[in-house]
Amino acid sequence: MVYTLGSDRAGTGGARIPAAELKIVVAGGFGVGKTTLVGTLSEISPLTTEEVITVASTGIDDLHGIKDKTTTTVAMDFGRITFPEPPRPMILFLFGTPGQERFWFAWNDLSYGAVGAVVLADTRRLHESFAAVSYFEQLKTPFLVAVNQFDGAYHYPPDEIRQALELDPSVPVMTCDVRQHASAMAVLIKLVEHSLERHRPLTPGV
């Protein structure tokens, strides 16, 4: 049974509560670490659609600040993670979006039915976060901004990131290293908490 976020109370009377299956989107600009985040968290071998960057992308893909990047996501990344602990077991399905503008058409399908989104940001290319922030603001999908701390990049405090991206005070901003499981997990937990605050409690999907 698929669960969404709503108002009914399930599992009363001691009945076993089915796991809530929730869709999470991981979005952001080109090369911010979306594929790495999904791969770090997923309990299964993640599905990726990465292709080698070729000379055909010259003048189209902006590699400023990420010149060592050799592959790019052209459709989506997919992973899964299970939280079996009570009171509400959860299965989270992670969908990573492509970052380049020419693939943004895929965002609508990937974001459909999502209960929350992680917007990954890179301070070296912070301007590339505006598209994802605006997108989820318009969808009214709960989201947070996670600043991926790349080696050699200047580490700005979250309040400065919030101001630079003109975020609403209710939007969480945090730093992370998507290569580290504990750090990536902290982002996911914070997003789930933020989504539940906006959409309490979980109820059976229609």
C-alpha atoms as a PDB file:
ATOM      1  CA  MET A   1       0.000   0.000   0.000  1.00  0.00           C
ATOM      2  CA  VAL A   2       1.347   3.419  -0.958  1.00  0.00           C
ATOM      3  CA  TYR A   3       1.062   6.152   1.639  1.00  0.00           C
ATOM      4  CA  THR A   4       0.898   9.880   1.167  1.00  0.00           C
ATOM      5  CA  LEU A   5       0.905  12.773   3.593  1.00  0.00           C
ATOM      6  CA  GLY A   6      -2.549  13.694   4.870  1.00  0.00           C
ATOM      7  CA  SER A   7      -4.911  13.636   7.836  1.00  0.00           C
ATOM      8  CA  ASP A   8      -6.298  10.148   8.582  1.00  0.00           C
ATOM      9  CA  ARG A   9      -4.943   7.969  11.405  1.00  0.00           C
ATOM     10  CA  ALA A  10      -3.968   4.499  10.268  1.00  0.00           C
ATOM     11  CA  GLY A  11      -2.975   1.484  12.275  1.00  0.00           C
ATOM     12  CA  THR A  12      -5.186   2.003  15.333  1.00  0.00           C
ATOM     13  CA  GLY A  13      -6.302  -0.897  17.504  1.00  0.00           C
ATOM     14  CA  GLY A  14      -2.870  -2.523  17.510  1.00  0.00           C
ATOM     15  CA  ALA A  15      -2.965  -3.404  13.808  1.00  0.00           C
ATOM     16  CA  ARG A  16       0.376  -3.614  12.040  1.00  0.00           C
ATOM     17  CA  ILE A  17       1.017  -0.360  10.202  1.00  0.00           C
ATOM     18  CA  PRO A  18       2.132  -0.817   6.582  1.00  0.00           C
ATOM     19  CA  ALA A  19       5.301   0.974   5.593  1.00  0.00           C
ATOM     20  CA  ALA A  20       4.785   4.476   4.230  1.00  0.00           C
ATOM     21  CA  GLU A  21       6.232   4.678   0.712  1.00  0.00           C
ATOM     22  CA  LEU A  22       7.392   8.228   0.063  1.00  0.00           C
ATOM     23  CA  LYS A  23       8.925   9.842  -2.996  1.00  0.00           C
ATOM     24  CA  ILE A  24      11.834  12.253  -2.508  1.00  0.00           C
ATOM     25  CA  VAL A  25      13.378  14.350  -5.280  1.00  0.00           C
ATOM     26  CA  VAL A  26      17.047  15.362  -5.345  1.00  0.00           C
ATOM     27  CA  ALA A  27      17.504  18.393  -7.576  1.00  0.00           C
ATOM     28  CA  GLY A  28      19.981  21.165  -8.252  1.00  0.00           C
ATOM     29  CA  GLY A  29      22.389  22.478 -10.837  1.00  0.00           C
ATOM     30  CA  PHE A  30      24.809  20.623 -13.044  1.00  0.00           C
ATOM     31  CA  GLY A  31      27.534  18.804 -11.114  1.00  0.00           C
ATOM     32  CA  VAL A  32      26.371  19.557  -7.553  1.00  0.00           C
ATOM     33  CA  GLY A  33      26.486  15.919  -6.410  1.00  0.00           C
ATOM     34  CA  LYS A  34      22.965  14.591  -6.946  1.00  0.00           C
ATOM     35  CA  THR A  35      24.100  11.219  -8.311  1.00  0.00           C
ATOM     36  CA  THR A  36      26.615  10.862  -5.485  1.00  0.00           C
ATOM     37  CA  LEU A  37      23.968  11.640  -2.840  1.00  0.00           C
ATOM     38  CA  VAL A  38      21.572   9.021  -4.210  1.00  0.00           C
ATOM     39  CA  GLY A  39      24.364   6.466  -4.450  1.00  0.00           C
ATOM     40  CA  THR A  40      25.606   7.181  -0.933  1.00  0.00           C
ATOM     41  CA  LEU A  41      22.165   6.686   0.604  1.00  0.00           C
ATOM     42  CA  SER A  42      20.636   3.904  -1.481  1.00  0.00           C
ATOM     43  CA  GLU A  43      20.397   0.435   0.067  1.00  0.00           C
ATOM     44  CA  ILE A  44      20.167  -1.036  -3.434  1.00  0.00           C
ATOM     45  CA  SER A  45      22.498  -0.581  -6.369  1.00  0.00           C
ATOM     46  CA  PRO A  46      21.301   2.786  -7.652  1.00  0.00           C
ATOM     47  CA  LEU A  47      19.923   3.162 -11.139  1.00  0.00           C
ATOM     48  CA  THR A  48      21.860   5.877 -12.944  1.00  0.00           C
ATOM     49  CA  THR A  49      21.659   7.294 -16.443  1.00  0.00           C
ATOM     50  CA  GLU A  50      25.079   8.887 -16.673  1.00  0.00           C
ATOM     51  CA  GLU A  51      26.721   9.450 -20.021  1.00  0.00           C
ATOM     52  CA  VAL A  52      30.230  10.624 -20.863  1.00  0.00           C
ATOM     53  CA  ILE A  53      30.526  14.347 -21.544  1.00  0.00           C
ATOM     54  CA  THR A  54      31.804  14.793 -25.091  1.00  0.00           C
ATOM     55  CA  VAL A  55      32.866  17.727 -27.256  1.00  0.00           C
ATOM     56  CA  ALA A  56      29.234  17.898 -28.422  1.00  0.00           C
ATOM     57  CA  SER A  57      28.404  19.648 -25.150  1.00  0.00           C
ATOM     58  CA  THR A  58      30.943  22.416 -25.750  1.00  0.00           C
ATOM     59  CA  GLY A  59      29.194  25.775 -25.516  1.00  0.00           C
ATOM     60  CA  ILE A  60      26.095  24.115 -24.029  1.00  0.00           C
ATOM     61  CA  ASP A  61      27.173  22.722 -20.654  1.00  0.00           C
ATOM     62  CA  ASP A  62      28.936  25.188 -18.368  1.00  0.00           C
ATOM     63  CA  LEU A  63      31.865  23.368 -16.772  1.00  0.00           C
ATOM     64  CA  HIS A  64      33.203  26.410 -14.952  1.00  0.00           C
ATOM     65  CA  GLY A  65      34.351  25.251 -11.528  1.00  0.00           C
ATOM     66  CA  ILE A  66      33.816  21.561 -12.330  1.00  0.00           C
ATOM     67  CA  LYS A  67      36.310  20.970 -15.152  1.00  0.00           C
ATOM     68  CA  ASP A  68      37.144  17.505 -13.800  1.00  0.00           C
ATOM     69  CA  LYS A  69      33.574  16.280 -14.323  1.00  0.00           C
ATOM     70  CA  THR A  70      33.496  13.640 -17.069  1.00  0.00           C
ATOM     71  CA  THR A  71      29.919  12.286 -16.932  1.00  0.00           C
ATOM     72  CA  THR A  72      26.428  13.727 -16.642  1.00  0.00           C
ATOM     73  CA  THR A  73      22.937  12.466 -15.795  1.00  0.00           C
ATOM     74  CA  VAL A  74      20.666  12.558 -18.838  1.00  0.00           C
ATOM     75  CA  ALA A  75      17.411  11.172 -17.393  1.00  0.00           C
ATOM     76  CA  MET A  76      17.396  10.386 -13.665  1.00  0.00           C
ATOM     77  CA  ASP A  77      19.029   8.615 -10.749  1.00  0.00           C
ATOM     78  CA  PHE A  78      17.009   6.234  -8.585  1.00  0.00           C
ATOM     79  CA  GLY A  79      17.650   4.731  -5.176  1.00  0.00           C
ATOM     80  CA  ARG A  80      15.765   3.361  -2.174  1.00  0.00           C
ATOM     81  CA  ILE A  81      16.250   3.489   1.564  1.00  0.00           C
ATOM     82  CA  THR A  82      14.178   1.836   4.315  1.00  0.00           C
ATOM     83  CA  PHE A  83      13.525   3.088   7.839  1.00  0.00           C
ATOM     84  CA  PRO A  84      11.979   0.031   9.580  1.00  0.00           C
ATOM     85  CA  GLU A  85      11.747   1.496  13.065  1.00  0.00           C
ATOM     86  CA  PRO A  86       8.363   2.320  14.627  1.00  0.00           C
ATOM     87  CA  PRO A  87       6.135   4.190  15.073  1.00  0.00           C
ATOM     88  CA  ARG A  88       5.954   4.537  11.289  1.00  0.00           C
ATOM     89  CA  PRO A  89       8.096   2.350   9.036  1.00  0.00           C
ATOM     90  CA  MET A  90       9.068   4.210   5.883  1.00  0.00           C
ATOM     91  CA  ILE A  91      10.446   3.362   2.477  1.00  0.00           C
ATOM     92  CA  LEU A  92      11.885   6.380   0.698  1.00  0.00           C
ATOM     93  CA  PHE A  93      12.311   6.344  -3.064  1.00  0.00           C
ATOM     94  CA  LEU A  94      14.985   8.795  -4.183  1.00  0.00           C
ATOM     95  CA  PHE A  95      14.757  10.379  -7.625  1.00  0.00           C
ATOM     96  CA  GLY A  96      17.687  12.496  -8.804  1.00  0.00           C
ATOM     97  CA  THR A  97      16.983  14.987 -11.575  1.00  0.00           C
ATOM     98  CA  PRO A  98      19.314  15.942 -14.431  1.00  0.00           C
ATOM     99  CA  GLY A  99      20.938  19.307 -13.869  1.00  0.00           C
ATOM    100  CA  GLN A 100      21.392  20.788 -17.340  1.00  0.00           C
ATOM    101  CA  GLU A 101      18.705  23.119 -18.635  1.00  0.00           C
ATOM    102  CA  ARG A 102      18.147  21.041 -21.773  1.00  0.00           C
ATOM    103  CA  PHE A 103      16.914  18.143 -19.588  1.00  0.00           C
ATOM    104  CA  TRP A 104      14.614  20.168 -17.328  1.00  0.00           C
ATOM    105  CA  PHE A 105      11.571  18.807 -19.181  1.00  0.00           C
ATOM    106  CA  ALA A 106      12.039  15.619 -17.115  1.00  0.00           C
ATOM    107  CA  TRP A 107      11.550  17.454 -13.815  1.00  0.00           C
ATOM    108  CA  ASN A 108       7.737  17.434 -13.973  1.00  0.00           C
ATOM    109  CA  ASP A 109       7.489  13.651 -14.220  1.00  0.00           C
ATOM    110  CA  LEU A 110      10.201  13.040 -11.631  1.00  0.00           C
ATOM    111  CA  SER A 111       8.619  15.470  -9.151  1.00  0.00           C
ATOM    112  CA  TYR A 112       5.032  14.241  -9.536  1.00  0.00           C
ATOM    113  CA  GLY A 113       3.751  12.961  -6.192  1.00  0.00           C
ATOM    114  CA  ALA A 114       6.923  13.863  -4.284  1.00  0.00           C
ATOM    115  CA  VAL A 115       6.453  14.736  -0.611  1.00  0.00           C
ATOM    116  CA  GLY A 116       9.678  16.709  -0.471  1.00  0.00           C
ATOM    117  CA  ALA A 117      12.822  17.741  -2.308  1.00  0.00           C
ATOM    118  CA  VAL A 118      16.492  18.253  -1.574  1.00  0.00           C
ATOM    119  CA  VAL A 119      17.985  21.166  -3.512  1.00  0.00           C
ATOM    120  CA  LEU A 120      21.725  20.568  -3.590  1.00  0.00           C
ATOM    121  CA  ALA A 121      23.893  23.659  -3.944  1.00  0.00           C
ATOM    122  CA  ASP A 122      27.542  24.354  -4.758  1.00  0.00           C
ATOM    123  CA  THR A 123      28.875  27.697  -3.497  1.00  0.00           C
ATOM    124  CA  ARG A 124      31.197  27.886  -6.508  1.00  0.00           C
ATOM    125  CA  ARG A 125      28.112  27.941  -8.771  1.00  0.00           C
ATOM    126  CA  LEU A 126      25.366  29.095  -6.434  1.00  0.00           C
ATOM    127  CA  HIS A 127      23.441  30.835  -9.210  1.00  0.00           C
ATOM    128  CA  GLU A 128      22.562  27.408 -10.631  1.00  0.00           C
ATOM    129  CA  SER A 129      20.411  26.712  -7.576  1.00  0.00           C
ATOM    130  CA  PHE A 130      17.845  29.398  -8.378  1.00  0.00           C
ATOM    131  CA  ALA A 131      16.004  27.298 -10.968  1.00  0.00           C
ATOM    132  CA  ALA A 132      15.395  24.407  -8.549  1.00  0.00           C
ATOM    133  CA  VAL A 133      14.426  26.730  -5.694  1.00  0.00           C
ATOM    134  CA  SER A 134      11.899  28.556  -7.886  1.00  0.00           C
ATOM    135  CA  TYR A 135      10.552  25.290  -9.265  1.00  0.00           C
ATOM    136  CA  PHE A 136       9.693  23.791  -5.876  1.00  0.00           C
ATOM    137  CA  GLU A 137       8.410  27.101  -4.557  1.00  0.00           C
ATOM    138  CA  GLN A 138       5.926  27.195  -7.438  1.00  0.00           C
ATOM    139  CA  LEU A 139       4.947  23.558  -6.867  1.00  0.00           C
ATOM    140  CA  LYS A 140       4.555  24.286  -3.144  1.00  0.00           C
ATOM    141  CA  THR A 141       6.586  21.156  -2.469  1.00  0.00           C
ATOM    142  CA  PRO A 142       8.438  21.206   0.873  1.00  0.00           C
ATOM    143  CA  PHE A 143      12.167  21.446   0.237  1.00  0.00           C
ATOM    144  CA  LEU A 144      15.444  22.229   1.906  1.00  0.00           C
ATOM    145  CA  VAL A 145      18.737  23.530   0.576  1.00  0.00           C
ATOM    146  CA  ALA A 146      21.794  21.371   1.287  1.00  0.00           C
ATOM    147  CA  VAL A 147      25.144  22.965   0.478  1.00  0.00           C
ATOM    148  CA  ASN A 148      27.572  20.293  -0.668  1.00  0.00           C
ATOM    149  CA  GLN A 149      30.969  21.138   0.831  1.00  0.00           C
ATOM    150  CA  PHE A 150      33.347  20.550  -2.068  1.00  0.00           C
ATOM    151  CA  ASP A 151      37.075  20.360  -1.373  1.00  0.00           C
ATOM    152  CA  GLY A 152      38.645  23.759  -1.922  1.00  0.00           C
ATOM    153  CA  ALA A 153      35.350  25.659  -2.017  1.00  0.00           C
ATOM    154  CA  TYR A 154      34.761  28.529   0.400  1.00  0.00           C
ATOM    155  CA  HIS A 155      32.439  27.489   3.226  1.00  0.00           C
ATOM    156  CA  TYR A 156      29.737  30.111   3.693  1.00  0.00           C
ATOM    157  CA  PRO A 157      27.484  30.007   6.777  1.00  0.00           C
ATOM    158  CA  PRO A 158      23.884  28.855   6.136  1.00  0.00           C
ATOM    159  CA  ASP A 159      22.459  32.312   6.871  1.00  0.00           C
ATOM    160  CA  GLU A 160      24.491  33.811   4.017  1.00  0.00           C
ATOM    161  CA  ILE A 161      23.302  31.059   1.679  1.00  0.00           C
ATOM    162  CA  ARG A 162      19.695  31.771   2.704  1.00  0.00           C
ATOM    163  CA  GLN A 163      20.126  35.457   1.985  1.00  0.00           C
ATOM    164  CA  ALA A 164      21.867  34.867  -1.351  1.00  0.00           C
ATOM    165  CA  LEU A 165      19.104  32.524  -2.551  1.00  0.00           C
ATOM    166  CA  GLU A 166      16.343  34.754  -1.129  1.00  0.00           C
ATOM    167  CA  LEU A 167      14.801  31.823   0.723  1.00  0.00           C
ATOM    168  CA  ASP A 168      11.733  31.946   2.904  1.00  0.00           C
ATOM    169  CA  PRO A 169      12.651  31.706   6.616  1.00  0.00           C
ATOM    170  CA  SER A 170      10.789  28.379   6.839  1.00  0.00           C
ATOM    171  CA  VAL A 171      13.110  26.665   4.335  1.00  0.00           C
ATOM    172  CA  PRO A 172      15.879  24.707   6.127  1.00  0.00           C
ATOM    173  CA  VAL A 173      19.454  25.346   4.989  1.00  0.00           C
ATOM    174  CA  MET A 174      22.269  23.009   5.973  1.00  0.00           C
ATOM    175  CA  THR A 175      25.728  21.930   4.887  1.00  0.00           C
ATOM    176  CA  CYS A 176      26.749  18.399   3.982  1.00  0.00           C
ATOM    177  CA  ASP A 177      29.295  16.170   2.311  1.00  0.00           C
ATOM    178  CA  VAL A 178      27.300  13.855   0.061  1.00  0.00           C
ATOM    179  CA  ARG A 179      30.198  11.377  -0.025  1.00  0.00           C
ATOM    180  CA  GLN A 180      29.743  10.684   3.694  1.00  0.00           C
ATOM    181  CA  HIS A 181      26.787   8.457   4.604  1.00  0.00           C
ATOM    182  CA  ALA A 182      26.111  10.087   7.976  1.00  0.00           C
ATOM    183  CA  SER A 183      26.141  13.567   6.444  1.00  0.00           C
ATOM    184  CA  ALA A 184      23.883  12.576   3.549  1.00  0.00           C
ATOM    185  CA  MET A 185      21.528  10.783   5.943  1.00  0.00           C
ATOM    186  CA  ALA A 186      21.252  13.913   8.108  1.00  0.00           C
ATOM    187  CA  VAL A 187      19.983  15.795   5.043  1.00  0.00           C
ATOM    188  CA  LEU A 188      17.370  13.146   4.304  1.00  0.00           C
ATOM    189  CA  ILE A 189      16.144  12.987   7.898  1.00  0.00           C
ATOM    190  CA  LYS A 190      15.866  16.775   8.067  1.00  0.00           C
ATOM    191  CA  LEU A 191      13.824  16.819   4.858  1.00  0.00           C
ATOM    192  CA  VAL A 192      11.423  14.130   6.113  1.00  0.00           C
ATOM    193  CA  GLU A 193      10.960  16.053   9.361  1.00  0.00           C
ATOM    194  CA  HIS A 194      10.334  19.265   7.427  1.00  0.00           C
ATOM    195  CA  SER A 195       7.809  17.533   5.140  1.00  0.00           C
ATOM    196  CA  LEU A 196       5.964  15.993   8.078  1.00  0.00           C
ATOM    197  CA  GLU A 197       5.713  19.392   9.752  1.00  0.00           C
ATOM    198  CA  ARG A 198       4.032  20.683   6.613  1.00  0.00           C
ATOM    199  CA  HIS A 199       1.797  17.650   5.996  1.00  0.00           C
ATOM    200  CA  ARG A 200       1.048  15.768   9.229  1.00  0.00           C
ATOM    201  CA  PRO A 201       0.293  12.906   9.568  1.00  0.00           C
ATOM    202  CA  LEU A 202       0.685   9.995   7.140  1.00  0.00           C
ATOM    203  CA  THR A 203      -2.456   8.432   5.727  1.00  0.00           C
ATOM    204  CA  PRO A 204      -3.223   5.752   3.155  1.00  0.00           C
ATOM    205  CA  GLY A 205      -2.964   6.955  -0.428  1.00  0.00           C
ATOM    206  CA  VAL A 206      -6.012   6.844  -2.631  1.00  0.00           C
END
